[in-house]
Amino acid sequence: MAGNRRWSAKEIDYVIKNYGRVPVADIAKKLKRSKDSVHWKANSLDVKFKRSELIDFARLVDTRFAEIEAKIDKILVKINSYEKK
């Protein structure tokens, strides 16, 4: 990632529009900046996660976790069936 370069108006606008909606890692990658710098810039701009966005994000995480858990369970069943052979 680049170090100590100025934030362009376009980058700032992107952070304002996407922080709290898009994973910080994705914002950082798109802007070629570190996750810490994205958090710092959002904080300096007083851009915060809104409560409703946090609730939506928590629901999304719960859903994804359940999907991943189900995939792991399927894999474990396959592993157990191979071990029995």
Protein backbone atom coordinates (compact mmCIF):
# COMPACT_ATOMS: atom_id res chain seq x y z
CA MET A 1 0.00 0.00 0.00
CA ALA A 2 1.14 3.55 -0.58
CA GLY A 3 2.31 5.55 2.39
CA ASN A 4 1.43 9.11 3.37
CA ARG A 5 -0.17 10.20 0.14
CA ARG A 6 -2.94 12.77 0.15
CA TRP A 7 -6.55 11.70 -0.13
CA SER A 8 -8.23 12.80 -3.35
CA ALA A 9 -11.75 14.20 -3.35
CA LYS A 10 -12.84 11.08 -5.24
CA GLU A 11 -11.37 8.78 -2.57
CA ILE A 12 -12.96 10.76 0.24
CA ASP A 13 -16.32 10.62 -1.51
CA TYR A 14 -15.92 6.85 -1.93
CA VAL A 15 -15.20 6.42 1.80
CA ILE A 16 -18.19 8.57 2.76
CA LYS A 17 -20.54 6.62 0.49
CA ASN A 18 -19.23 3.12 1.27
CA TYR A 19 -17.87 3.04 4.82
CA GLY A 20 -20.20 0.88 6.86
CA ARG A 21 -21.75 -0.64 3.76
CA VAL A 22 -18.73 -2.27 2.11
CA PRO A 23 -16.11 -4.24 4.05
CA VAL A 24 -13.17 -2.02 4.96
CA ALA A 25 -10.79 -4.54 3.37
CA ASP A 26 -12.58 -4.05 0.04
CA ILE A 27 -12.50 -0.25 0.35
CA ALA A 28 -8.80 -0.39 1.19
CA LYS A 29 -8.04 -2.65 -1.76
CA LYS A 30 -9.97 -0.48 -4.21
CA LEU A 31 -8.28 2.70 -2.97
CA LYS A 32 -4.86 1.01 -2.62
CA ARG A 33 -4.69 2.04 1.03
CA SER A 34 -4.36 0.16 4.31
CA LYS A 35 -7.43 -0.78 6.35
CA ASP A 36 -6.07 1.40 9.16
CA SER A 37 -5.88 4.42 6.86
CA VAL A 38 -9.48 3.86 5.73
CA HIS A 39 -10.65 3.66 9.35
CA TRP A 40 -8.60 6.75 10.19
CA LYS A 41 -10.02 8.75 7.28
CA ALA A 42 -13.60 7.70 8.06
CA ASN A 43 -13.08 8.69 11.69
CA SER A 44 -11.55 12.03 10.72
CA LEU A 45 -14.58 12.68 8.49
CA ASP A 46 -16.87 11.62 11.36
CA VAL A 47 -18.31 8.87 9.15
CA LYS A 48 -19.78 6.20 11.38
CA PHE A 49 -21.64 2.95 11.00
CA LYS A 50 -25.31 3.69 11.50
CA ARG A 51 -27.16 1.49 13.98
CA SER A 52 -29.46 0.15 11.27
CA GLU A 53 -26.44 -0.64 9.11
CA LEU A 54 -24.79 -2.46 12.00
CA ILE A 55 -27.94 -4.52 12.53
CA ASP A 56 -28.09 -5.32 8.80
CA PHE A 57 -24.40 -6.23 8.85
CA ALA A 58 -24.90 -8.48 11.88
CA ARG A 59 -27.75 -10.26 10.09
CA LEU A 60 -25.59 -10.70 7.01
CA VAL A 61 -22.77 -12.15 9.12
CA ASP A 62 -25.20 -14.52 10.85
CA THR A 63 -26.53 -15.68 7.48
CA ARG A 64 -23.06 -16.17 6.03
CA PHE A 65 -21.94 -17.97 9.17
CA ALA A 66 -24.90 -20.35 8.90
CA GLU A 67 -24.08 -21.01 5.23
CA ILE A 68 -20.44 -21.70 6.03
CA GLU A 69 -21.40 -23.93 8.96
CA ALA A 70 -23.69 -25.95 6.67
CA LYS A 71 -20.87 -26.39 4.14
CA ILE A 72 -18.50 -27.52 6.87
CA ASP A 73 -21.08 -30.03 8.08
CA LYS A 74 -21.35 -31.46 4.55
CA ILE A 75 -17.58 -31.75 4.31
CA LEU A 76 -17.41 -33.50 7.68
CA VAL A 77 -20.06 -35.99 6.59
CA LYS A 78 -17.99 -36.79 3.48
CA ILE A 79 -14.82 -37.14 5.54
CA ASN A 80 -16.57 -39.45 8.00
CA SER A 81 -17.94 -41.60 5.17
CA TYR A 82 -14.43 -41.96 3.65
CA GLU A 83 -12.97 -42.87 7.04
CA LYS A 84 -15.50 -45.69 7.44
CA LYS A 85 -14.41 -47.31 4.15
